[in-house]
Protein backbone atom coordinates (compact mmCIF):
# COMPACT_ATOMS: atom_id res chain seq x y z
CA MET A 1 -36.94 9.91 -1.85
CA THR A 2 -37.50 10.15 -5.60
CA ASP A 3 -35.11 8.62 -8.10
CA PRO A 4 -32.53 10.97 -9.64
CA ILE A 5 -33.15 12.15 -13.20
CA ALA A 6 -30.40 13.20 -15.60
CA VAL A 7 -31.14 14.80 -18.95
CA VAL A 8 -28.69 14.12 -21.81
CA SER A 9 -28.94 14.81 -25.52
CA ALA A 10 -30.52 11.41 -26.24
CA GLY A 11 -33.23 11.76 -23.59
CA ARG A 12 -34.05 11.50 -19.90
CA LEU A 13 -32.43 8.90 -17.63
CA ARG A 14 -33.87 7.60 -14.37
CA GLY A 15 -31.15 6.31 -12.03
CA THR A 16 -31.00 5.16 -8.42
CA ARG A 17 -29.50 6.63 -5.28
CA SER A 18 -28.19 5.33 -1.96
CA GLY A 19 -25.58 6.35 0.58
CA GLY A 20 -25.06 9.78 -0.97
CA VAL A 21 -24.25 8.31 -4.39
CA ALA A 22 -26.37 8.51 -7.55
CA ARG A 23 -26.05 5.71 -10.12
CA PHE A 24 -26.95 5.69 -13.81
CA LEU A 25 -26.15 2.31 -15.36
CA GLY A 26 -26.25 0.99 -18.92
CA VAL A 27 -26.34 4.43 -20.53
CA PRO A 28 -25.81 4.23 -24.33
CA TYR A 29 -23.09 6.50 -25.70
CA ALA A 30 -23.42 5.15 -29.26
CA ALA A 31 -25.79 3.03 -31.31
CA ALA A 32 -25.79 -0.77 -31.08
CA PRO A 33 -22.91 -1.98 -33.34
CA PHE A 34 -24.83 -4.82 -34.98
CA GLY A 35 -26.83 -5.29 -38.15
CA ASP A 36 -25.78 -2.71 -40.72
CA ARG A 37 -23.47 -1.10 -38.13
CA ARG A 38 -21.42 -4.24 -37.52
CA PHE A 39 -17.68 -3.76 -38.12
CA ALA A 40 -18.24 -0.03 -38.67
CA ALA A 41 -17.16 3.03 -36.72
CA PRO A 42 -19.47 3.92 -33.80
CA GLU A 43 -22.48 6.05 -34.68
CA PRO A 44 -24.57 8.35 -32.47
CA HIS A 45 -27.47 6.82 -30.58
CA ALA A 46 -30.89 7.81 -31.98
CA GLY A 47 -32.24 8.54 -28.51
CA TRP A 48 -35.44 7.46 -26.80
CA ALA A 49 -38.82 8.81 -25.85
CA GLY A 50 -39.80 9.35 -22.25
CA GLU A 51 -37.54 8.20 -19.41
CA ARG A 52 -35.02 5.42 -19.88
CA ASP A 53 -34.47 3.10 -16.93
CA ALA A 54 -30.80 3.34 -15.90
CA SER A 55 -30.98 1.19 -12.77
CA SER A 56 -29.14 -1.91 -14.03
CA PRO A 57 -25.97 -2.59 -16.05
CA GLY A 58 -26.13 -2.61 -19.82
CA ALA A 59 -25.29 -5.38 -22.26
CA THR A 60 -21.76 -6.77 -22.34
CA ALA A 61 -19.63 -7.31 -25.44
CA PRO A 62 -19.53 -10.88 -26.83
CA GLN A 63 -16.80 -12.84 -25.02
CA ALA A 64 -15.94 -16.13 -23.35
CA PRO A 65 -15.24 -16.56 -19.63
CA TYR A 66 -11.70 -17.10 -18.37
CA GLY A 67 -10.41 -20.66 -18.22
CA GLY A 68 -7.26 -22.68 -17.65
CA GLY A 69 -7.10 -21.73 -13.98
CA LEU A 70 -7.58 -17.99 -14.40
CA GLU A 71 -11.28 -18.37 -13.68
CA ARG A 72 -10.31 -18.89 -10.04
CA VAL A 73 -9.06 -15.32 -9.75
CA LEU A 74 -10.64 -13.31 -12.60
CA PRO A 75 -14.43 -12.95 -12.78
CA SER A 76 -16.61 -12.88 -15.88
CA ILE A 77 -20.13 -11.58 -16.44
CA GLU A 78 -22.62 -11.71 -19.28
CA VAL A 79 -25.53 -9.32 -19.76
CA ASP A 80 -27.64 -10.00 -22.85
CA GLY A 81 -28.53 -7.30 -25.35
CA SER A 82 -27.29 -5.50 -28.43
CA GLU A 83 -26.59 -2.05 -26.95
CA ILE A 84 -23.12 -3.00 -25.79
CA LEU A 85 -21.69 0.51 -26.30
CA ASN A 86 -22.81 1.74 -22.92
CA LEU A 87 -21.34 3.31 -19.82
CA ASN A 88 -22.09 3.52 -16.12
CA VAL A 89 -21.99 6.73 -14.09
CA TRP A 90 -21.60 7.07 -10.34
CA SER A 91 -21.75 10.60 -9.00
CA PRO A 92 -22.05 12.48 -5.74
CA ASP A 93 -25.80 12.82 -5.22
CA VAL A 94 -26.42 16.45 -6.19
CA PHE A 95 -29.77 15.72 -7.81
CA GLY A 96 -32.14 17.10 -5.20
CA SER A 97 -35.62 15.88 -6.08
CA GLY A 98 -35.05 15.65 -9.83
CA ALA A 99 -32.55 16.58 -12.52
CA VAL A 100 -29.14 17.99 -11.64
CA ALA A 101 -29.55 21.46 -10.24
CA ASP A 102 -27.47 21.92 -7.11
CA ALA A 103 -23.92 21.72 -8.52
CA PRO A 104 -23.88 21.17 -12.28
CA GLY A 105 -20.45 20.73 -13.81
CA SER A 106 -18.49 21.10 -10.57
CA SER A 107 -16.93 17.70 -9.77
CA PRO A 108 -13.80 16.19 -11.35
CA VAL A 109 -14.42 13.20 -13.61
CA MET A 110 -12.66 9.85 -13.93
CA VAL A 111 -13.36 7.66 -16.98
CA TRP A 112 -12.40 4.00 -16.47
CA VAL A 113 -11.39 1.70 -19.36
CA HIS A 114 -11.36 -1.94 -18.25
CA GLY A 115 -8.74 -4.52 -19.16
CA GLY A 116 -9.01 -8.11 -20.35
CA ALA A 117 -6.49 -8.60 -23.19
CA LEU A 118 -8.92 -6.90 -25.62
CA THR A 119 -11.09 -10.03 -25.42
CA ARG A 120 -12.78 -9.94 -22.00
CA GLY A 121 -14.10 -7.59 -19.35
CA ALA A 122 -17.12 -5.38 -18.74
CA ASN A 123 -18.17 -2.32 -16.79
CA ALA A 124 -20.82 -4.52 -15.14
CA LEU A 125 -18.20 -6.37 -13.08
CA ASP A 126 -18.44 -5.73 -9.36
CA SER A 127 -14.69 -5.03 -9.42
CA TYR A 128 -15.38 -1.68 -11.13
CA ASP A 129 -18.08 -0.33 -8.81
CA GLY A 130 -17.43 3.41 -8.81
CA ALA A 131 -19.28 4.24 -5.58
CA PRO A 132 -16.08 4.79 -3.52
CA PHE A 133 -14.92 7.40 -6.05
CA ALA A 134 -18.32 9.15 -6.00
CA ARG A 135 -18.23 9.06 -2.19
CA ASP A 136 -14.96 11.00 -2.41
CA GLY A 137 -16.29 13.66 -4.76
CA ILE A 138 -15.45 12.16 -8.17
CA VAL A 139 -17.95 11.56 -10.99
CA PHE A 140 -16.87 8.07 -12.08
CA VAL A 141 -17.65 6.70 -15.54
CA SER A 142 -16.89 3.13 -16.67
CA VAL A 143 -16.98 2.27 -20.36
CA ASN A 144 -17.83 -0.82 -22.40
CA TYR A 145 -16.27 -1.22 -25.84
CA ARG A 146 -16.19 -3.89 -28.54
CA LEU A 147 -13.89 -6.83 -27.80
CA GLY A 148 -12.14 -9.59 -29.72
CA SER A 149 -13.19 -10.06 -33.32
CA GLU A 150 -15.92 -7.43 -33.07
CA GLY A 151 -13.52 -4.77 -31.89
CA PHE A 152 -10.02 -5.58 -33.12
CA SER A 153 -10.22 -7.61 -36.32
CA VAL A 154 -8.13 -6.48 -39.29
CA LEU A 155 -10.57 -6.77 -42.17
CA ASP A 156 -10.72 -5.56 -45.73
CA GLY A 157 -13.54 -3.03 -45.92
CA ALA A 158 -13.61 -2.17 -42.20
CA PRO A 159 -11.84 0.45 -40.08
CA LEU A 160 -9.03 -0.66 -37.79
CA ASP A 161 -9.30 -0.65 -34.01
CA LEU A 162 -13.06 -0.37 -33.64
CA GLY A 163 -12.80 -0.90 -29.89
CA LEU A 164 -10.45 2.07 -29.68
CA LEU A 165 -12.87 4.17 -31.74
CA ASP A 166 -15.56 3.18 -29.24
CA VAL A 167 -13.47 4.51 -26.34
CA ILE A 168 -12.88 7.76 -28.21
CA ALA A 169 -16.64 8.05 -28.84
CA ALA A 170 -17.28 7.52 -25.12
CA LEU A 171 -14.80 10.28 -24.23
CA ARG A 172 -16.57 12.63 -26.64
CA TRP A 173 -19.85 11.73 -24.91
CA VAL A 174 -18.29 12.57 -21.55
CA ARG A 175 -17.13 15.99 -22.75
CA ARG A 176 -20.61 16.67 -24.11
CA GLU A 177 -22.88 15.19 -21.43
CA ILE A 178 -21.12 14.77 -18.09
CA SER A 179 -22.24 18.12 -16.70
CA ALA A 180 -25.74 16.60 -16.47
CA PHE A 181 -24.35 14.32 -13.74
CA GLY A 182 -22.50 17.06 -11.87
CA GLY A 183 -19.17 16.45 -13.64
CA ASP A 184 -16.81 19.12 -14.90
CA PRO A 185 -16.14 18.43 -18.61
CA ALA A 186 -12.90 20.42 -18.36
CA ARG A 187 -11.45 18.10 -15.68
CA VAL A 188 -11.51 14.61 -17.18
CA THR A 189 -9.01 11.99 -16.04
CA VAL A 190 -8.99 8.82 -18.13
CA ALA A 191 -7.76 5.73 -16.26
CA GLY A 192 -7.39 2.09 -17.17
CA GLN A 193 -5.61 -1.13 -16.44
CA SER A 194 -3.95 -3.73 -18.68
CA ALA A 195 -5.58 -3.56 -22.14
CA GLY A 196 -7.49 -0.54 -20.87
CA ALA A 197 -4.20 1.27 -20.25
CA SER A 198 -2.98 0.22 -23.71
CA LEU A 199 -6.11 1.78 -25.19
CA ILE A 200 -5.48 4.97 -23.22
CA ALA A 201 -1.95 5.16 -24.64
CA ALA A 202 -3.49 4.85 -28.11
CA VAL A 203 -6.06 7.54 -27.27
CA LEU A 204 -3.27 9.90 -26.21
CA ALA A 205 -1.45 9.25 -29.49
CA HIS A 206 -4.48 9.35 -31.80
CA PRO A 207 -5.02 12.63 -33.68
CA GLU A 208 -8.81 12.16 -33.58
CA ALA A 209 -8.73 12.12 -29.76
CA SER A 210 -6.79 15.36 -29.31
CA GLY A 211 -8.19 17.45 -26.47
CA LEU A 212 -10.40 14.74 -24.96
CA VAL A 213 -8.18 13.97 -21.95
CA ASP A 214 -6.92 16.32 -19.23
CA ARG A 215 -5.05 13.75 -17.10
CA ALA A 216 -4.21 10.08 -17.58
CA ILE A 217 -3.61 7.06 -15.34
CA LEU A 218 -2.04 4.00 -17.01
CA GLN A 219 -1.93 0.82 -14.92
CA SER A 220 0.03 -2.21 -16.17
CA GLY A 221 -0.61 -1.60 -19.85
CA PRO A 222 1.82 -2.31 -22.70
CA LEU A 223 2.33 0.93 -24.61
CA ALA A 224 3.11 -0.35 -28.09
CA ALA A 225 0.79 -1.36 -30.92
CA ARG A 226 1.50 -3.71 -33.85
CA PRO A 227 1.80 -3.07 -37.58
CA ARG A 228 -1.35 -3.99 -39.51
CA GLU A 229 0.13 -7.20 -40.89
CA LYS A 230 1.12 -8.56 -37.47
CA ALA A 231 -2.05 -7.36 -35.75
CA GLY A 232 -4.05 -9.13 -38.45
CA ARG A 233 -2.54 -12.55 -37.81
CA ILE A 234 -5.31 -13.64 -35.45
CA THR A 235 -7.96 -12.39 -37.87
CA ARG A 236 -6.47 -14.57 -40.62
CA LEU A 237 -6.35 -17.56 -38.28
CA ILE A 238 -10.00 -17.11 -37.33
CA ALA A 239 -10.93 -16.72 -40.99
CA ALA A 240 -9.09 -19.94 -41.84
CA ASP A 241 -10.74 -21.76 -38.93
CA LEU A 242 -14.18 -20.72 -40.21
CA GLY A 243 -13.33 -21.13 -43.89
CA ILE A 244 -14.14 -17.53 -44.78
CA ALA A 245 -12.31 -14.50 -46.16
CA SER A 246 -10.83 -11.76 -43.95
CA THR A 247 -13.38 -9.22 -45.10
CA ARG A 248 -16.06 -7.19 -43.38
CA ASP A 249 -18.85 -8.86 -45.34
CA ALA A 250 -17.62 -12.38 -44.55
CA PHE A 251 -17.16 -11.71 -40.82
CA ALA A 252 -20.49 -9.86 -40.58
CA ALA A 253 -22.22 -13.00 -41.88
CA VAL A 254 -20.95 -15.01 -38.88
CA ALA A 255 -22.81 -14.90 -35.56
CA PRO A 256 -20.87 -13.14 -32.77
CA SER A 257 -20.92 -16.31 -30.65
CA ASP A 258 -19.36 -18.31 -33.49
CA LEU A 259 -16.57 -15.73 -33.83
CA VAL A 260 -15.91 -16.02 -30.09
CA ALA A 261 -15.75 -19.81 -30.38
CA ALA A 262 -13.28 -19.62 -33.27
CA GLN A 263 -11.22 -17.11 -31.34
CA GLN A 264 -11.06 -19.57 -28.43
CA ARG A 265 -9.87 -22.34 -30.69
CA VAL A 266 -7.04 -20.42 -32.36
CA THR A 267 -5.75 -18.85 -29.12
CA GLN A 268 -5.80 -21.98 -26.98
CA GLY A 269 -2.71 -22.19 -24.80
CA THR A 270 -1.43 -18.67 -25.49
CA THR A 271 -0.84 -15.97 -22.86
CA PRO A 272 0.34 -12.36 -22.90
CA VAL A 273 3.69 -13.38 -21.41
CA THR A 274 4.45 -16.57 -23.34
CA GLY A 275 3.21 -15.34 -26.72
CA GLY A 276 1.02 -16.77 -29.43
CA PRO A 277 -1.80 -15.31 -31.51
CA GLY A 278 -3.79 -12.60 -29.81
CA PHE A 279 -5.64 -9.40 -30.54
CA ALA A 280 -3.67 -6.18 -30.60
CA ILE A 281 -4.16 -2.51 -31.32
CA ALA A 282 -3.16 -2.02 -34.96
CA ILE A 283 -1.06 0.84 -36.29
CA GLY A 284 -2.80 2.58 -39.17
CA ASP A 285 -5.89 4.64 -40.08
CA GLY A 286 -4.19 7.64 -38.51
CA LEU A 287 -2.89 5.86 -35.40
CA PRO A 288 0.92 5.86 -34.99
CA ASP A 289 2.69 3.44 -32.69
CA PRO A 290 1.54 4.81 -29.30
CA GLU A 291 4.79 4.14 -27.47
CA GLN A 292 6.89 5.87 -30.10
CA ALA A 293 4.47 8.78 -30.30
CA LEU A 294 4.37 9.29 -26.54
CA VAL A 295 8.15 9.04 -26.22
CA ALA A 296 8.44 11.60 -29.02
CA GLY A 297 6.18 14.09 -27.25
CA SER A 298 2.52 13.29 -27.90
CA ALA A 299 0.37 14.26 -24.92
CA ASP A 300 3.17 16.04 -23.06
CA GLU A 301 0.50 18.53 -21.96
CA VAL A 302 -1.36 15.71 -20.17
CA PRO A 303 -0.12 14.95 -16.61
CA MET A 304 0.41 11.21 -16.37
CA LEU A 305 0.39 8.69 -13.53
CA ILE A 306 1.85 5.39 -14.72
CA GLY A 307 3.09 2.14 -13.21
CA CYS A 308 2.71 -1.60 -12.81
CA THR A 309 2.86 -4.37 -10.25
CA ALA A 310 6.19 -5.85 -9.21
CA GLU A 311 5.38 -9.38 -10.40
CA GLU A 312 2.91 -8.95 -13.25
CA ALA A 313 3.55 -12.28 -14.97
CA ARG A 314 2.70 -14.43 -11.95
CA LEU A 315 -0.99 -14.11 -12.88
CA TRP A 316 -0.45 -16.28 -15.96
CA LEU A 317 2.25 -18.52 -14.46
CA HIS A 318 0.93 -19.71 -11.10
CA PRO A 319 -2.87 -20.21 -11.20
CA THR A 320 -2.43 -21.99 -14.54
CA GLY A 321 0.49 -24.20 -13.45
CA LEU A 322 2.53 -22.87 -16.36
CA VAL A 323 5.39 -21.88 -14.06
CA ALA A 324 6.40 -25.54 -13.65
CA ARG A 325 6.51 -26.13 -17.40
CA ILE A 326 8.99 -23.40 -18.26
CA GLY A 327 12.43 -24.89 -18.70
CA ARG A 328 15.89 -24.04 -19.95
CA ARG A 329 14.87 -23.95 -23.62
CA HIS A 330 12.13 -21.43 -22.92
CA LEU A 331 14.58 -19.09 -21.19
CA LEU A 332 17.06 -19.50 -24.03
CA ALA A 333 14.36 -18.79 -26.62
CA ALA A 334 13.27 -15.66 -24.73
CA ARG A 335 16.85 -14.46 -24.43
CA LEU A 336 17.43 -14.85 -28.16
CA ALA A 337 14.07 -13.45 -29.25
CA PHE A 338 14.32 -10.33 -27.09
CA ARG A 339 18.11 -9.98 -27.19
CA ILE A 340 18.45 -10.13 -23.42
CA PRO A 341 22.09 -9.52 -22.49
CA ALA A 342 23.83 -12.40 -20.73
CA GLY A 343 24.88 -9.98 -17.99
CA THR A 344 21.23 -9.11 -17.39
CA MET A 345 20.35 -12.76 -16.89
CA ARG A 346 23.19 -13.19 -14.41
CA ARG A 347 22.25 -10.05 -12.49
CA TYR A 348 18.60 -11.07 -12.12
CA ARG A 349 19.62 -14.51 -10.88
CA ARG A 350 22.18 -13.05 -8.47
CA ASN A 351 19.59 -10.67 -7.01
CA ARG A 352 17.13 -13.57 -6.45
CA PRO A 353 19.04 -16.54 -5.04
CA GLY A 354 17.26 -19.82 -5.68
CA ILE A 355 14.71 -18.45 -8.14
CA GLY A 356 13.26 -21.09 -10.44
CA ARG A 357 13.29 -20.85 -14.22
CA GLY A 358 9.56 -20.16 -14.45
CA ASP A 359 9.65 -17.28 -11.99
CA LEU A 360 12.82 -15.87 -13.56
CA PHE A 361 11.02 -15.94 -16.91
CA GLY A 362 8.16 -14.03 -15.29
CA VAL A 363 10.37 -11.35 -13.77
CA LEU A 364 12.12 -10.76 -17.08
CA ALA A 365 8.78 -10.61 -18.91
CA THR A 366 7.40 -8.09 -16.40
CA ASP A 367 10.35 -5.76 -16.89
CA LEU A 368 10.60 -6.22 -20.64
CA LEU A 369 6.90 -5.65 -21.34
CA LEU A 370 6.12 -3.00 -18.73
CA ARG A 371 8.75 -1.66 -16.36
CA LEU A 372 11.38 -0.77 -18.98
CA PRO A 373 8.92 1.01 -21.32
CA ILE A 374 7.46 2.90 -18.35
CA ASN A 375 10.91 4.14 -17.40
CA ARG A 376 11.72 5.10 -21.00
CA LEU A 377 8.53 7.10 -21.31
CA ALA A 378 8.98 8.82 -17.94
CA ASP A 379 12.55 9.76 -18.87
CA ALA A 380 11.50 11.13 -22.27
CA ARG A 381 8.73 13.21 -20.72
CA LEU A 382 11.14 14.50 -18.07
CA ASP A 383 13.51 15.76 -20.76
CA ARG A 384 10.68 17.96 -22.07
CA GLY A 385 9.33 19.02 -18.68
CA ALA A 386 6.12 16.97 -18.86
CA ALA A 387 4.61 16.02 -15.49
CA THR A 388 4.84 12.29 -14.74
CA TRP A 389 4.45 10.21 -11.59
CA VAL A 390 5.53 6.55 -11.40
CA TYR A 391 4.29 3.87 -9.01
CA GLU A 392 4.81 0.16 -8.36
CA PHE A 393 2.42 -2.15 -6.52
CA GLY A 394 4.47 -4.49 -4.38
CA TRP A 395 2.08 -6.13 -1.92
CA ARG A 396 2.24 -9.93 -2.31
CA SER A 397 -0.92 -12.00 -2.11
CA PRO A 398 -0.61 -15.43 -0.46
CA ARG A 399 -3.39 -16.89 -2.63
CA LEU A 400 -2.28 -19.41 -5.28
CA GLU A 401 1.26 -17.97 -5.05
CA LEU A 402 0.09 -14.90 -6.96
CA GLY A 403 2.41 -12.49 -5.17
CA ALA A 404 2.28 -8.99 -6.64
CA ALA A 405 0.63 -10.24 -9.83
CA HIS A 406 -1.20 -8.47 -12.65
CA CYS A 407 -4.58 -7.07 -11.47
CA MET A 408 -3.58 -7.24 -7.80
CA GLU A 409 -3.79 -3.45 -7.38
CA LEU A 410 -7.40 -3.14 -8.57
CA PRO A 411 -9.15 -3.75 -5.21
CA ALA A 412 -6.94 -1.09 -3.61
CA VAL A 413 -7.53 1.42 -6.40
CA PHE A 414 -11.30 0.95 -6.05
CA ASP A 415 -11.16 0.80 -2.23
CA ARG A 416 -13.02 -2.52 -2.26
CA LEU A 417 -10.67 -4.90 -0.46
CA ASP A 418 -13.59 -6.82 1.06
CA ALA A 419 -15.49 -7.43 -2.19
CA PRO A 420 -15.74 -11.06 -3.39
CA ASP A 421 -13.73 -10.36 -6.56
CA ALA A 422 -11.00 -8.80 -4.44
CA SER A 423 -10.84 -11.78 -2.11
CA ALA A 424 -10.33 -14.09 -5.08
CA LEU A 425 -7.06 -12.23 -5.72
CA SER A 426 -5.89 -11.47 -2.20
CA GLY A 427 -7.45 -14.21 -0.11
CA GLY A 428 -8.79 -11.43 2.12
CA ALA A 429 -5.30 -10.68 3.42
CA ALA A 430 -4.67 -7.23 1.91
CA PRO A 431 -4.09 -4.56 4.58
CA VAL A 432 -6.55 -1.66 4.76
CA SER A 433 -3.63 0.76 4.39
CA LEU A 434 -3.23 -0.32 0.74
CA ALA A 435 -6.65 1.07 -0.19
CA VAL A 436 -6.24 4.14 1.99
CA GLU A 437 -3.00 5.04 0.23
CA MET A 438 -3.73 3.96 -3.34
CA HIS A 439 -7.36 4.99 -3.70
CA GLY A 440 -6.51 8.26 -1.98
CA ALA A 441 -3.69 8.93 -4.44
CA TRP A 442 -5.95 8.23 -7.45
CA VAL A 443 -8.61 10.59 -6.05
CA SER A 444 -6.01 13.27 -5.38
CA PHE A 445 -4.60 13.01 -8.91
CA CYS A 446 -8.06 13.24 -10.45
CA ARG A 447 -9.03 16.18 -8.25
CA ASP A 448 -5.79 18.18 -8.04
CA GLY A 449 -3.43 16.75 -10.68
CA ASP A 450 -0.99 15.49 -8.03
CA PRO A 451 -1.13 12.02 -6.40
CA GLY A 452 0.85 13.18 -3.36
CA TRP A 453 4.45 12.18 -3.98
CA GLU A 454 7.43 13.54 -5.86
CA ARG A 455 7.02 13.68 -9.63
CA TRP A 456 9.53 11.90 -11.86
CA SER A 457 13.02 13.38 -11.75
CA ARG A 458 16.65 12.37 -12.33
CA GLU A 459 16.46 10.60 -8.95
CA ARG A 460 13.79 8.25 -10.38
CA PRO A 461 11.25 8.33 -7.50
CA VAL A 462 8.79 5.43 -7.51
CA ARG A 463 5.88 5.25 -5.10
CA THR A 464 5.82 1.67 -3.82
CA PHE A 465 2.45 0.49 -2.54
CA ASP A 466 2.98 -2.30 -0.02
CA ALA A 467 2.17 -3.09 3.60
CA GLU A 468 4.22 0.07 4.20
CA THR A 469 3.79 2.55 1.36
CA ARG A 470 6.81 4.73 0.65
CA THR A 471 8.71 6.45 -2.12
CA VAL A 472 11.83 4.61 -3.29
CA LEU A 473 14.51 6.27 -5.39
CA ALA A 474 15.62 4.25 -8.43
CA PRO A 475 14.45 0.79 -7.26
CA ARG A 476 16.39 -2.12 -8.78
CA GLU A 477 18.39 0.34 -10.86
CA ASP A 478 21.20 -2.18 -11.41
CA GLU A 479 18.74 -4.45 -13.23
CA ARG A 480 17.20 -1.70 -15.33
CA ALA A 481 20.59 -0.34 -16.35
CA SER A 482 21.85 -3.79 -17.30
CA TRP A 483 19.48 -3.99 -20.28
CA SER A 484 21.41 -1.31 -22.12
């Protein structure tokens, strides 16, 4: 059988096909952001002559692999090249013997934005293989964007949030081109996890992205951004480390690999739950604080599926050994810094007899950073009649005491429980029912706008994905209420 051909504005693409799925990998949605385009907003790709080979993943953004113990559970990949602003497309194979002809523009579309703390990740990772979605009738698109210093520096003479602008450019590409792959440009669900979900929140709040998203899935992503001054702290630290100014010209004179090395030096020992310098989405250049904007009514017209895992922080606490190093002073510092009521501390301890200080710190961090903001947003949207569904992933992995840690839901969402990356998280112990329920719900939401359980109401229904998946009304409500 001949290879599938898709025709987009920039030229012809030759993909591959197998098992009823067509694949187009490494497709540029914008020009390479290097040379004169470095630290500038994304620009259109100039196109190519003839057919472009789209059989293998495109280049990955400059980054360093995980370390400190996380490399045991989180994979990394590096693909050389300058055209890092690329995407992968998996679609039901409707290509016949050539270009799309049988069902152009008919299938719902899901656009995936990967996580990685704005410093790591790639659409080339096996974790994000979109074939199961294409098998179930979804045109699946996974996006690469600029990371770390290249994507989120705060520099004089450069736009803010270049990685976010990349995601917006990719969504514009999807609206314009996805019908060539059988996708319906009027039915686009954008989904992402961790930093990817944070970027989606920013997309939903950004005036330049209005109308690009029809539905949204936010998995385990902090909703807030930082003021320019605070977001720029890591940029200033990197500049000081390299002995340069925090300007576009100065950073553009440094090789990407040297910026990554400096970034590693100034962030050593920091984590998303214990704090320290790190990259963040910056408020400014038209972007309001995403959490405040969404709570106030931005994107109410967009149905939203949002949630987190039950024990997010265990990812950074247990594989790294950090859990054993958290003591009384750390808990006291967290309580003072985040104004945690004394009654809240007592209630969490009482509900978890025998819990150690490290794990208590993790539970509080999970709720403070994710669960409480999710509930606030769902409540605010409910008051205005906006459609919201809330979930929690509760299945506990036995590997490295991860439990229901950050990232643990990804193999179930992608219906790839037996993939090597999935086994690194679950130890191969995850029940098949997890993927049946969770992947099925994501497909249903993308296709029909309803994941299959009761939408958010005054009864606070939360779909809990575990060995037995069920809807729970107001789980751990005594703890949530104690914060106020």
